[in-house]
Protein backbone atom coordinates (compact mmCIF):
# COMPACT_ATOMS: atom_id res chain seq x y z
CA MET A 1 0.00 0.00 0.00
CA LEU A 2 1.04 3.59 -0.68
CA ASN A 3 0.46 5.52 2.56
CA ILE A 4 1.20 9.25 2.56
CA ALA A 5 1.00 11.93 5.24
CA LEU A 6 0.48 15.26 3.45
CA PHE A 7 1.75 18.23 5.40
CA GLY A 8 1.92 21.93 4.91
CA PRO A 9 0.93 25.14 6.70
CA PRO A 10 -2.47 26.78 6.21
CA GLY A 11 -2.60 28.10 2.66
CA ALA A 12 -0.03 25.66 1.28
CA GLY A 13 -2.57 24.07 -1.07
CA LYS A 14 -3.00 20.69 0.61
CA GLY A 15 -6.68 20.49 -0.31
CA THR A 16 -6.04 21.08 -4.00
CA GLN A 17 -3.16 18.62 -4.19
CA SER A 18 -5.02 16.02 -2.12
CA LYS A 19 -7.67 15.71 -4.82
CA TYR A 20 -5.01 14.96 -7.41
CA LEU A 21 -3.17 12.41 -5.26
CA ILE A 22 -6.37 10.58 -4.32
CA GLU A 23 -7.38 10.17 -7.96
CA LYS A 24 -3.90 9.46 -9.34
CA TYR A 25 -2.99 6.75 -6.81
CA ASN A 26 -6.49 5.51 -5.83
CA LEU A 27 -6.02 6.48 -2.19
CA THR A 28 -8.48 6.65 0.68
CA TYR A 29 -8.61 10.21 1.97
CA ILE A 30 -8.32 10.52 5.73
CA SER A 31 -8.96 14.01 7.11
CA THR A 32 -9.62 13.95 10.85
CA GLY A 33 -11.81 17.04 10.58
CA ASP A 34 -13.92 15.62 7.76
CA ILE A 35 -14.27 12.25 9.48
CA LEU A 36 -15.37 13.81 12.77
CA ARG A 37 -17.99 15.91 11.01
CA LYS A 38 -19.24 12.88 9.08
CA GLU A 39 -19.51 10.70 12.20
CA ILE A 40 -21.38 13.48 14.00
CA ALA A 41 -23.74 14.01 11.05
CA GLU A 42 -24.46 10.28 10.86
CA GLY A 43 -25.18 10.13 14.58
CA SER A 44 -22.89 7.17 15.17
CA ASP A 45 -21.79 6.20 18.67
CA LEU A 46 -18.32 7.59 17.98
CA GLY A 47 -19.84 10.71 16.46
CA GLN A 48 -22.03 11.29 19.49
CA LYS A 49 -19.06 10.97 21.82
CA ALA A 50 -17.11 13.46 19.73
CA LYS A 51 -20.08 15.84 19.63
CA ASP A 52 -20.45 15.80 23.41
CA ILE A 53 -16.72 16.46 23.88
CA ILE A 54 -16.73 19.35 21.40
CA ALA A 55 -19.91 20.79 22.94
CA ALA A 56 -18.14 20.82 26.30
CA GLY A 57 -15.36 22.90 24.75
CA GLN A 58 -12.77 20.12 25.00
CA LEU A 59 -10.38 18.64 22.47
CA VAL A 60 -11.23 15.24 21.01
CA SER A 61 -8.80 12.72 22.50
CA ASP A 62 -6.23 10.78 20.49
CA ASP A 63 -8.00 7.60 21.55
CA LEU A 64 -11.29 8.65 19.96
CA ILE A 65 -9.63 10.00 16.82
CA VAL A 66 -7.78 6.70 16.34
CA GLN A 67 -11.02 4.72 16.70
CA ILE A 68 -12.66 6.87 14.06
CA ILE A 69 -9.68 6.66 11.69
CA GLU A 70 -9.42 2.89 12.10
CA LYS A 71 -13.13 2.48 11.35
CA ARG A 72 -12.75 4.49 8.14
CA ILE A 73 -9.63 2.64 7.02
CA ARG A 74 -11.06 -0.82 7.56
CA SER A 75 -14.23 -0.03 5.65
CA GLU A 76 -12.87 2.05 2.78
CA ALA A 77 -9.11 1.52 2.31
CA LYS A 78 -8.17 1.00 -1.36
CA ASP A 79 -4.62 0.92 -2.69
CA GLY A 80 -3.36 3.20 0.05
CA ILE A 81 -4.19 6.08 2.34
CA LEU A 82 -3.65 9.83 2.22
CA PHE A 83 -3.57 11.37 5.70
CA ASP A 84 -4.41 15.09 5.89
CA GLY A 85 -4.18 16.65 9.35
CA PHE A 86 -2.95 13.49 11.03
CA PRO A 87 -0.56 12.97 12.68
CA ARG A 88 -0.15 16.42 14.23
CA THR A 89 2.24 15.46 17.03
CA VAL A 90 5.06 12.97 17.59
CA VAL A 91 2.76 11.00 19.91
CA GLN A 92 0.24 10.71 17.09
CA ALA A 93 3.03 9.61 14.75
CA TYR A 94 3.71 6.65 17.03
CA ILE A 95 -0.01 5.98 17.19
CA LEU A 96 -0.14 5.95 13.39
CA ASP A 97 2.72 3.43 13.33
CA GLY A 98 0.73 1.11 15.54
CA LEU A 99 -2.49 1.62 13.62
CA LEU A 100 -0.91 0.86 10.26
CA SER A 101 0.98 -2.09 11.75
CA LYS A 102 -2.37 -3.68 12.60
CA LEU A 103 -3.17 -3.46 8.90
CA SER A 104 0.20 -5.05 8.02
CA THR A 105 1.43 -1.85 6.40
CA SER A 106 3.32 1.33 7.29
CA LEU A 107 3.64 4.98 6.33
CA THR A 108 5.53 5.25 3.05
CA PHE A 109 6.61 8.86 3.54
CA MET A 110 5.61 12.33 4.62
CA LEU A 111 5.20 14.93 1.85
CA SER A 112 5.58 18.48 3.09
CA LEU A 113 4.51 21.45 0.95
CA GLU A 114 6.96 24.25 1.76
CA VAL A 115 5.75 27.84 1.19
CA PRO A 116 7.33 31.06 2.58
CA GLY A 117 5.36 32.89 5.27
CA ASP A 118 4.72 36.03 3.19
CA GLU A 119 3.29 33.94 0.37
CA LEU A 120 1.03 32.05 2.78
CA LYS A 121 -0.34 35.26 4.29
CA ALA A 122 -1.05 36.68 0.85
CA ARG A 123 -2.88 33.51 -0.22
CA LEU A 124 -5.00 33.34 2.91
CA LEU A 125 -5.91 37.01 2.84
CA GLU A 126 -6.95 36.66 -0.81
CA ARG A 127 -9.03 33.61 0.11
CA GLY A 128 -10.62 35.62 2.89
CA LYS A 129 -12.09 38.08 0.40
CA THR A 130 -14.44 35.42 -0.94
CA SER A 131 -14.50 32.60 1.64
CA GLY A 132 -16.31 34.46 4.39
CA ARG A 133 -14.18 32.46 6.88
CA SER A 134 -13.65 34.23 10.17
CA ASP A 135 -10.11 32.80 10.47
CA ASP A 136 -8.87 34.45 7.28
CA THR A 137 -7.79 37.69 8.98
CA ILE A 138 -4.15 38.74 9.38
CA GLN A 139 -4.19 38.36 13.19
CA VAL A 140 -5.67 34.87 13.09
CA ILE A 141 -3.50 33.87 10.12
CA GLU A 142 -0.29 34.82 11.92
CA LYS A 143 -1.40 32.92 15.03
CA ARG A 144 -2.24 29.81 12.98
CA LEU A 145 1.11 29.90 11.18
CA THR A 146 3.02 30.28 14.45
CA GLU A 147 1.08 27.40 15.98
CA TYR A 148 1.81 25.26 12.93
CA GLU A 149 5.55 25.90 13.21
CA ASP A 150 5.60 25.18 16.94
CA LYS A 151 3.65 21.94 16.71
CA THR A 152 4.90 20.45 13.47
CA MET A 153 8.67 20.99 13.59
CA PRO A 154 9.21 18.09 16.04
CA LEU A 155 7.09 15.93 13.73
CA ILE A 156 9.15 16.93 10.70
CA ASP A 157 12.32 16.02 12.60
CA PHE A 158 10.71 12.70 13.53
CA TYR A 159 10.17 11.73 9.90
CA LYS A 160 13.50 13.16 8.78
CA GLY A 161 15.10 10.86 11.33
CA ARG A 162 13.38 7.91 9.68
CA GLY A 163 14.33 8.97 6.17
CA LYS A 164 10.65 9.45 5.32
CA TYR A 165 10.49 13.23 4.98
CA ILE A 166 10.22 14.70 1.49
CA SER A 167 10.15 18.47 1.05
CA ILE A 168 8.18 19.83 -1.91
CA ASP A 169 8.45 23.40 -3.19
CA GLY A 170 4.87 24.66 -2.84
CA VAL A 171 5.35 27.90 -4.80
CA GLY A 172 4.24 28.11 -8.44
CA SER A 173 1.28 27.07 -10.52
CA ILE A 174 -0.97 24.24 -9.36
CA ASP A 175 0.24 22.10 -12.27
CA ASP A 176 3.91 22.74 -11.42
CA ILE A 177 3.41 21.73 -7.79
CA THR A 178 1.41 18.67 -8.84
CA GLU A 179 4.25 17.62 -11.13
CA ARG A 180 6.78 18.00 -8.30
CA LEU A 181 4.65 15.81 -6.04
CA ASN A 182 4.22 13.21 -8.75
CA ASN A 183 7.95 13.11 -9.53
CA ALA A 184 8.88 12.80 -5.85
CA ILE A 185 6.43 9.94 -5.30
CA ASP A 186 7.37 8.03 -8.44
CA LYS A 187 11.09 8.42 -7.80
CA THR A 188 10.74 7.18 -4.23
CA LEU A 189 8.56 4.22 -5.19
CA LYS A 190 11.01 3.16 -7.89
CA ARG A 191 14.07 3.55 -5.66
CA LYS A 192 16.12 0.41 -5.37
CA TYR A 193 19.38 0.93 -3.54
CA PHE A 194 22.63 -0.48 -4.90
CA ASN A 195 25.11 -1.04 -2.06
CA VAL A 196 28.85 -1.63 -2.29
CA VAL A 197 31.39 -2.69 0.32
CA VAL A 198 34.92 -1.57 -0.51
CA THR A 199 37.52 -3.42 1.51
CA GLY A 200 41.27 -3.90 1.45
CA ILE A 201 44.40 -3.64 3.54
CA PRO A 202 45.05 -0.18 5.06
CA GLY A 203 46.95 1.80 2.44
CA SER A 204 45.38 -0.06 -0.48
CA GLY A 205 43.56 3.04 -1.72
CA ARG A 206 40.14 1.67 -0.85
CA GLY A 207 38.97 5.07 0.41
CA THR A 208 39.93 6.82 -2.82
CA GLN A 209 38.17 4.20 -4.94
CA ALA A 210 35.08 4.20 -2.71
CA LYS A 211 34.73 7.99 -3.01
CA LYS A 212 35.07 7.87 -6.78
CA LEU A 213 32.45 5.14 -7.04
CA ALA A 214 30.07 7.13 -4.86
CA LYS A 215 30.48 10.25 -6.97
CA GLU A 216 30.13 8.41 -10.27
CA HIS A 217 26.90 6.59 -9.38
CA ASN A 218 25.09 8.95 -6.96
CA LEU A 219 25.88 6.74 -3.99
CA ALA A 220 26.47 8.03 -0.46
CA TYR A 221 30.01 7.37 0.79
CA ILE A 222 30.04 5.98 4.32
CA SER A 223 33.44 5.78 5.97
CA THR A 224 33.09 4.75 9.59
CA GLY A 225 36.59 6.04 10.28
CA LYS A 226 35.78 9.45 8.82
CA ILE A 227 32.50 9.71 10.72
CA MET A 228 34.19 8.74 13.98
CA ARG A 229 36.99 11.27 13.46
CA GLU A 230 34.33 13.96 12.94
CA GLU A 231 32.65 12.94 16.19
CA ILE A 232 36.00 13.07 17.98
CA ALA A 233 36.71 16.53 16.53
CA ILE A 234 33.43 17.99 17.86
CA GLY A 235 33.88 16.26 21.21
CA SER A 236 30.58 14.38 21.16
CA GLU A 237 29.90 11.65 23.70
CA ILE A 238 30.25 8.93 21.11
CA GLY A 239 33.41 10.62 19.82
CA LYS A 240 34.96 10.53 23.28
CA LYS A 241 34.24 6.81 23.53
CA CYS A 242 35.71 6.11 20.10
CA GLN A 243 38.82 8.28 20.49
CA PRO A 244 41.18 5.89 22.32
CA TYR A 245 40.43 3.07 19.88
CA VAL A 246 40.90 5.27 16.81
CA GLU A 247 44.16 6.83 18.03
CA ASN A 248 45.64 3.39 18.74
CA GLY A 249 44.51 1.96 15.41
CA ASP A 250 42.29 -0.59 17.17
CA MET A 251 38.81 -1.78 16.24
CA VAL A 252 36.05 0.29 17.81
CA PRO A 253 33.29 -1.69 19.60
CA ASP A 254 30.51 -2.48 17.12
CA GLU A 255 27.79 -0.44 18.83
CA TYR A 256 29.44 2.90 17.92
CA PRO A 257 29.89 2.52 14.15
CA ILE A 258 26.41 0.98 13.93
CA ARG A 259 24.81 4.00 15.57
CA LEU A 260 26.77 6.38 13.38
CA MET A 261 25.94 4.52 10.16
CA GLU A 262 22.24 4.36 11.01
CA ARG A 263 22.23 8.10 11.60
CA PHE A 264 24.09 8.79 8.37
CA ILE A 265 21.67 6.67 6.34
CA ARG A 266 18.65 8.37 7.93
CA GLU A 267 20.10 11.76 7.02
CA ASN A 268 20.94 10.71 3.43
CA PRO A 269 17.98 8.73 2.09
CA HIS A 270 17.66 10.31 -1.35
CA VAL A 271 20.56 8.59 -3.09
CA ASP A 272 20.81 5.51 -5.31
CA GLY A 273 22.69 3.48 -2.73
CA TYR A 274 25.64 3.44 -0.34
CA VAL A 275 29.36 2.70 -0.50
CA PHE A 276 30.70 1.33 2.79
CA LYS A 277 34.39 1.73 3.55
CA GLY A 278 35.85 0.48 6.83
CA PHE A 279 32.79 -1.61 7.63
CA PRO A 280 32.35 -4.56 7.83
CA ARG A 281 35.68 -5.67 9.23
CA THR A 282 34.51 -8.99 10.73
CA THR A 283 31.96 -11.68 9.94
CA VAL A 284 29.82 -10.40 12.80
CA GLN A 285 29.87 -6.90 11.34
CA ALA A 286 28.92 -8.32 7.94
CA TYR A 287 25.81 -9.84 9.53
CA ILE A 288 25.14 -6.54 11.28
CA LEU A 289 25.30 -4.68 7.96
CA ASP A 290 22.88 -7.19 6.46
CA GLY A 291 20.44 -6.45 9.27
CA LEU A 292 20.86 -2.69 8.94
CA LEU A 293 20.16 -2.77 5.20
CA LYS A 294 17.26 -5.19 5.57
CA LYS A 295 15.43 -2.47 7.51
CA MET A 296 15.49 -0.55 4.20
CA ASP A 297 14.42 -3.62 2.19
CA SER A 298 17.93 -3.65 0.77
CA HIS A 299 21.19 -5.63 0.91
CA VAL A 300 24.87 -5.59 -0.07
CA ASP A 301 25.13 -6.10 -3.83
CA VAL A 302 28.88 -6.44 -4.20
CA ALA A 303 32.07 -6.39 -2.11
CA VAL A 304 35.17 -5.03 -3.86
CA GLU A 305 38.57 -5.84 -2.37
CA ILE A 306 41.47 -3.62 -3.47
CA ARG A 307 44.54 -5.89 -3.22
CA THR A 308 47.93 -4.37 -2.32
CA ASN A 309 51.02 -6.04 -0.92
CA THR A 310 52.17 -5.20 2.59
CA LEU A 311 55.32 -3.30 1.54
CA SER A 312 53.32 -0.99 -0.75
CA ALA A 313 50.80 -0.41 2.04
CA ILE A 314 53.55 0.57 4.50
CA LYS A 315 55.06 3.02 2.00
CA ARG A 316 51.71 4.63 1.24
CA LEU A 317 50.70 4.98 4.89
CA SER A 318 54.09 6.40 5.86
CA LYS A 319 53.87 8.91 3.01
CA ARG A 320 50.35 9.92 4.04
CA GLY A 321 51.54 10.32 7.61
CA GLN A 322 53.97 13.00 6.44
CA SER A 323 51.22 14.96 4.67
CA ASP A 324 48.39 17.11 6.02
CA LYS A 325 46.03 14.19 5.34
CA GLY A 326 47.87 11.93 7.75
CA ARG A 327 46.01 10.28 10.62
CA THR A 328 47.46 9.93 14.09
CA TYR A 329 48.09 6.25 13.46
CA ASP A 330 49.89 6.99 10.15
CA LYS A 331 52.68 8.86 11.90
CA ASN A 332 53.95 5.93 13.94
CA THR A 333 55.58 2.92 12.30
CA ASP A 334 54.57 0.61 15.15
CA LEU A 335 50.92 1.62 14.78
CA ILE A 336 51.08 1.09 11.00
CA ILE A 337 52.45 -2.43 11.49
CA HIS A 338 49.84 -3.06 14.21
CA ARG A 339 47.01 -2.12 11.85
CA LEU A 340 48.37 -4.24 9.01
CA ALA A 341 48.78 -7.23 11.33
CA MET A 342 45.22 -6.77 12.55
CA TRP A 343 44.03 -6.77 8.93
CA GLU A 344 45.81 -10.04 8.21
CA ASP A 345 44.69 -11.74 11.43
CA THR A 346 41.09 -10.60 11.95
CA ILE A 347 39.72 -8.93 8.82
CA LYS A 348 41.09 -10.09 5.48
CA ASP A 349 39.76 -13.64 5.07
CA HIS A 350 36.66 -13.17 7.22
CA VAL A 351 35.15 -10.39 5.10
CA SER A 352 36.21 -11.74 1.72
CA ASN A 353 34.98 -15.26 2.48
CA PHE A 354 31.63 -13.94 3.73
CA TYR A 355 30.91 -12.37 0.35
CA LYS A 356 32.64 -15.04 -1.75
CA VAL A 357 30.15 -17.71 -0.67
CA GLN A 358 27.34 -15.35 -1.72
CA ASP A 359 28.99 -14.77 -5.11
CA LYS A 360 29.23 -11.05 -4.33
CA TYR A 361 33.03 -10.72 -4.20
CA ILE A 362 35.30 -8.91 -6.69
CA SER A 363 39.08 -8.69 -6.36
CA ILE A 364 40.98 -5.79 -7.96
CA ASP A 365 44.75 -5.35 -8.24
CA GLY A 366 45.51 -2.11 -6.39
CA GLU A 367 49.16 -1.73 -7.43
CA GLY A 368 48.56 0.54 -10.44
CA ASP A 369 47.76 4.23 -10.67
CA THR A 370 44.52 5.53 -9.19
CA GLU A 371 42.70 6.21 -12.47
CA SER A 372 43.57 2.84 -14.03
CA ILE A 373 42.38 1.03 -10.93
CA PHE A 374 39.15 3.03 -10.92
CA GLN A 375 38.46 2.24 -14.57
CA GLU A 376 38.56 -1.46 -13.73
CA VAL A 377 36.48 -1.07 -10.56
CA ASP A 378 33.93 1.14 -12.28
CA SER A 379 33.61 -1.14 -15.28
CA LEU A 380 32.70 -4.11 -13.10
CA VAL A 381 30.39 -2.17 -10.79
CA SER A 382 28.66 -0.35 -13.67
CA LYS A 383 27.82 -3.70 -15.25
CA LEU A 384 26.27 -4.92 -12.00
CA ILE A 385 24.26 -1.70 -11.62
CA LYS A 386 22.81 -2.11 -15.12
CA GLU A 387 21.75 -5.65 -14.24
CA HIS A 388 20.33 -4.49 -10.88
């Protein structure tokens, strides 16, 4: 099912765009206001309860709203649902999760029509000239817009954190905005991530090749080492915990890179896939990555090992240690040898064998120049992407 929460401040054009989305995707329209009025007009038990609450000057409880929504969904749901005006709070977002889970489905994404405040005020004041609505005055409009910002920002952050927030430019003609909505929906529905693991001995050039792959194919580059160094630099709690491991060239406990990768993926959902460098480094981490990607209905498509002999790796790391790109552990020969030994003992065969048995392993000679190596890597990966 295609389940959409349509958001936008008063005057953003949700009503107009809702009509298009309902017809285009055969969705059941769920507007809490409309449903409440319908239940009250029909004199149902739920409607009578809502009427009594409203008559007493109280807000209708989440519990009652959920009952009414669930009744409507069960009786009228088609190929999906368009929610307008619900959820309005983070609590209601969790409620919606539970409600849709009972129907063996989930919210696909939140579409948010973004319109500048001045434009919204102008639209609502113009509407007020013909609508006769008492809330289309500048004082009431400004209050409604402020209330919207205060109440909805936490909700926007909630869906951004889940990678389900899509911002739509709500300025322009109705047809232009409709086209933007349509393109965003279709692109998201067709998205199928292609994920690459780039592995290799420290100093093999795996980072360089991973970055080039990411840039070439609109993939997000995820280097656990880079992310952890950034956390250390800003002095975050997780950075402080990672720092001693990173500085000594040791493996960081799994819980920290997992948390950082999950956050990175949530913040970068609108790509064609991910390139992982520095993770996995063990069989356990390979299973962990499988689980992380499964939450996105995805998986690792290929693991590319850049092969370099130990002497070349030592030379490259020592040279990097003398440059402004050098890491702490590149500046000490003992630490370089420690990292290379750790690769041989605990990483090399474990990661490669994990993907070999799945027929997802590619080995590339990393002794040539950067561009020649990339041409070979890209040729093989491009072929797999076309077959994807």
